[in-house]
């Protein structure tokens, strides 16, 4: 009998935790369906003009999609 009471209490706790987690997770901007702001840049390898979803920082190389694919090593 004590076991059933404990399970009910645990399930309520886990439901409220997961509901809170989901709402925080969905409110994170990374998962927004809004269009991203794109910034113009010049590829450090091929010197072509490209657009990137972040603001380029001077002194750090930026790569176009093609050059980035060649460089990335997984």
C-alpha atoms as a PDB file:
ATOM      1  CA  UNK A   1       0.000   0.000   0.000  1.00  0.00           C
ATOM      2  CA  UNK A   2       2.833   2.412   0.818  1.00  0.00           C
ATOM      3  CA  UNK A   3       4.435   1.474  -2.464  1.00  0.00           C
ATOM      4  CA  UNK A   4       1.493   2.680  -4.565  1.00  0.00           C
ATOM      5  CA  UNK A   5       1.424   6.021  -2.736  1.00  0.00           C
ATOM      6  CA  UNK A   6       5.116   6.503  -3.392  1.00  0.00           C
ATOM      7  CA  UNK A   7       4.757   5.762  -7.110  1.00  0.00           C
ATOM      8  CA  UNK A   8       1.937   8.294  -7.437  1.00  0.00           C
ATOM      9  CA  UNK A   9       4.022  10.942  -5.704  1.00  0.00           C
ATOM     10  CA  UNK A  10       7.072  10.179  -7.863  1.00  0.00           C
ATOM     11  CA  UNK A  11       5.043  10.302 -11.065  1.00  0.00           C
ATOM     12  CA  UNK A  12       3.621  13.733 -10.134  1.00  0.00           C
ATOM     13  CA  UNK A  13       7.108  15.036  -9.446  1.00  0.00           C
ATOM     14  CA  UNK A  14       8.515  13.703 -12.696  1.00  0.00           C
ATOM     15  CA  UNK A  15       5.594  15.078 -14.734  1.00  0.00           C
ATOM     16  CA  UNK A  16       5.992  18.590 -13.360  1.00  0.00           C
ATOM     17  CA  UNK A  17       9.760  18.428 -13.886  1.00  0.00           C
ATOM     18  CA  UNK A  18       9.440  17.269 -17.485  1.00  0.00           C
ATOM     19  CA  UNK A  19       6.744  19.857 -18.227  1.00  0.00           C
ATOM     20  CA  UNK A  20       9.011  22.617 -16.896  1.00  0.00           C
ATOM     21  CA  UNK A  21      11.968  21.275 -18.827  1.00  0.00           C
ATOM     22  CA  UNK A  22      10.013  21.184 -22.080  1.00  0.00           C
ATOM     23  CA  UNK A  23       8.753  24.740 -21.719  1.00  0.00           C
ATOM     24  CA  UNK A  24      12.274  26.032 -21.016  1.00  0.00           C
ATOM     25  CA  UNK A  25      13.710  23.963 -23.840  1.00  0.00           C
ATOM     26  CA  UNK A  26      11.179  25.231 -26.383  1.00  0.00           C
ATOM     27  CA  UNK A  27      11.652  28.851 -25.353  1.00  0.00           C
ATOM     28  CA  UNK A  28      15.357  28.664 -26.202  1.00  0.00           C
ATOM     29  CA  UNK A  29      16.080  30.857 -29.245  1.00  0.00           C
ATOM     30  CA  UNK A  30      18.202  28.190 -30.946  1.00  0.00           C
ATOM     31  CA  UNK A  31      15.056  26.228 -31.702  1.00  0.00           C
ATOM     32  CA  UNK A  32      12.962  29.122 -32.948  1.00  0.00           C
ATOM     33  CA  UNK A  33      11.354  28.829 -36.370  1.00  0.00           C
ATOM     34  CA  UNK A  34      12.015  32.521 -37.085  1.00  0.00           C
ATOM     35  CA  UNK A  35      14.425  33.207 -39.970  1.00  0.00           C
ATOM     36  CA  UNK A  36      18.017  33.763 -38.947  1.00  0.00           C
ATOM     37  CA  UNK A  37      19.769  37.053 -39.510  1.00  0.00           C
ATOM     38  CA  UNK A  38      22.501  36.497 -42.082  1.00  0.00           C
ATOM     39  CA  UNK A  39      25.739  38.513 -42.309  1.00  0.00           C
ATOM     40  CA  UNK A  40      27.915  39.061 -45.354  1.00  0.00           C
ATOM     41  CA  UNK A  41      31.458  37.738 -45.215  1.00  0.00           C
ATOM     42  CA  UNK A  42      34.367  36.724 -47.439  1.00  0.00           C
ATOM     43  CA  UNK A  43      35.602  33.141 -47.363  1.00  0.00           C
ATOM     44  CA  UNK A  44      39.133  32.840 -45.948  1.00  0.00           C
ATOM     45  CA  UNK A  45      40.011  30.006 -48.388  1.00  0.00           C
ATOM     46  CA  UNK A  46      38.466  30.802 -51.760  1.00  0.00           C
ATOM     47  CA  UNK A  47      37.780  34.541 -51.235  1.00  0.00           C
ATOM     48  CA  UNK A  48      34.201  34.244 -52.459  1.00  0.00           C
ATOM     49  CA  UNK A  49      31.428  36.341 -50.949  1.00  0.00           C
ATOM     50  CA  UNK A  50      29.121  34.376 -48.662  1.00  0.00           C
ATOM     51  CA  UNK A  51      26.549  34.807 -45.929  1.00  0.00           C
ATOM     52  CA  UNK A  52      26.828  33.320 -42.465  1.00  0.00           C
ATOM     53  CA  UNK A  53      24.302  33.069 -39.580  1.00  0.00           C
ATOM     54  CA  UNK A  54      26.651  34.862 -37.138  1.00  0.00           C
ATOM     55  CA  UNK A  55      28.394  38.196 -37.013  1.00  0.00           C
ATOM     56  CA  UNK A  56      31.969  37.675 -38.261  1.00  0.00           C
ATOM     57  CA  UNK A  57      34.724  38.749 -35.868  1.00  0.00           C
ATOM     58  CA  UNK A  58      37.839  40.399 -37.253  1.00  0.00           C
ATOM     59  CA  UNK A  59      40.847  38.117 -36.964  1.00  0.00           C
ATOM     60  CA  UNK A  60      38.834  34.882 -37.128  1.00  0.00           C
ATOM     61  CA  UNK A  61      38.494  33.097 -40.482  1.00  0.00           C
ATOM     62  CA  UNK A  62      35.058  32.606 -42.045  1.00  0.00           C
ATOM     63  CA  UNK A  63      34.426  29.863 -44.591  1.00  0.00           C
ATOM     64  CA  UNK A  64      31.734  29.413 -47.245  1.00  0.00           C
ATOM     65  CA  UNK A  65      29.660  26.211 -47.159  1.00  0.00           C
ATOM     66  CA  UNK A  66      31.858  24.384 -49.633  1.00  0.00           C
ATOM     67  CA  UNK A  67      35.157  25.255 -47.917  1.00  0.00           C
ATOM     68  CA  UNK A  68      33.684  24.538 -44.489  1.00  0.00           C
ATOM     69  CA  UNK A  69      32.640  21.056 -45.626  1.00  0.00           C
ATOM     70  CA  UNK A  70      36.182  20.399 -46.853  1.00  0.00           C
ATOM     71  CA  UNK A  71      37.718  21.617 -43.580  1.00  0.00           C
ATOM     72  CA  UNK A  72      35.459  19.972 -41.033  1.00  0.00           C
ATOM     73  CA  UNK A  73      36.866  16.740 -39.657  1.00  0.00           C
ATOM     74  CA  UNK A  74      34.546  14.465 -37.717  1.00  0.00           C
END
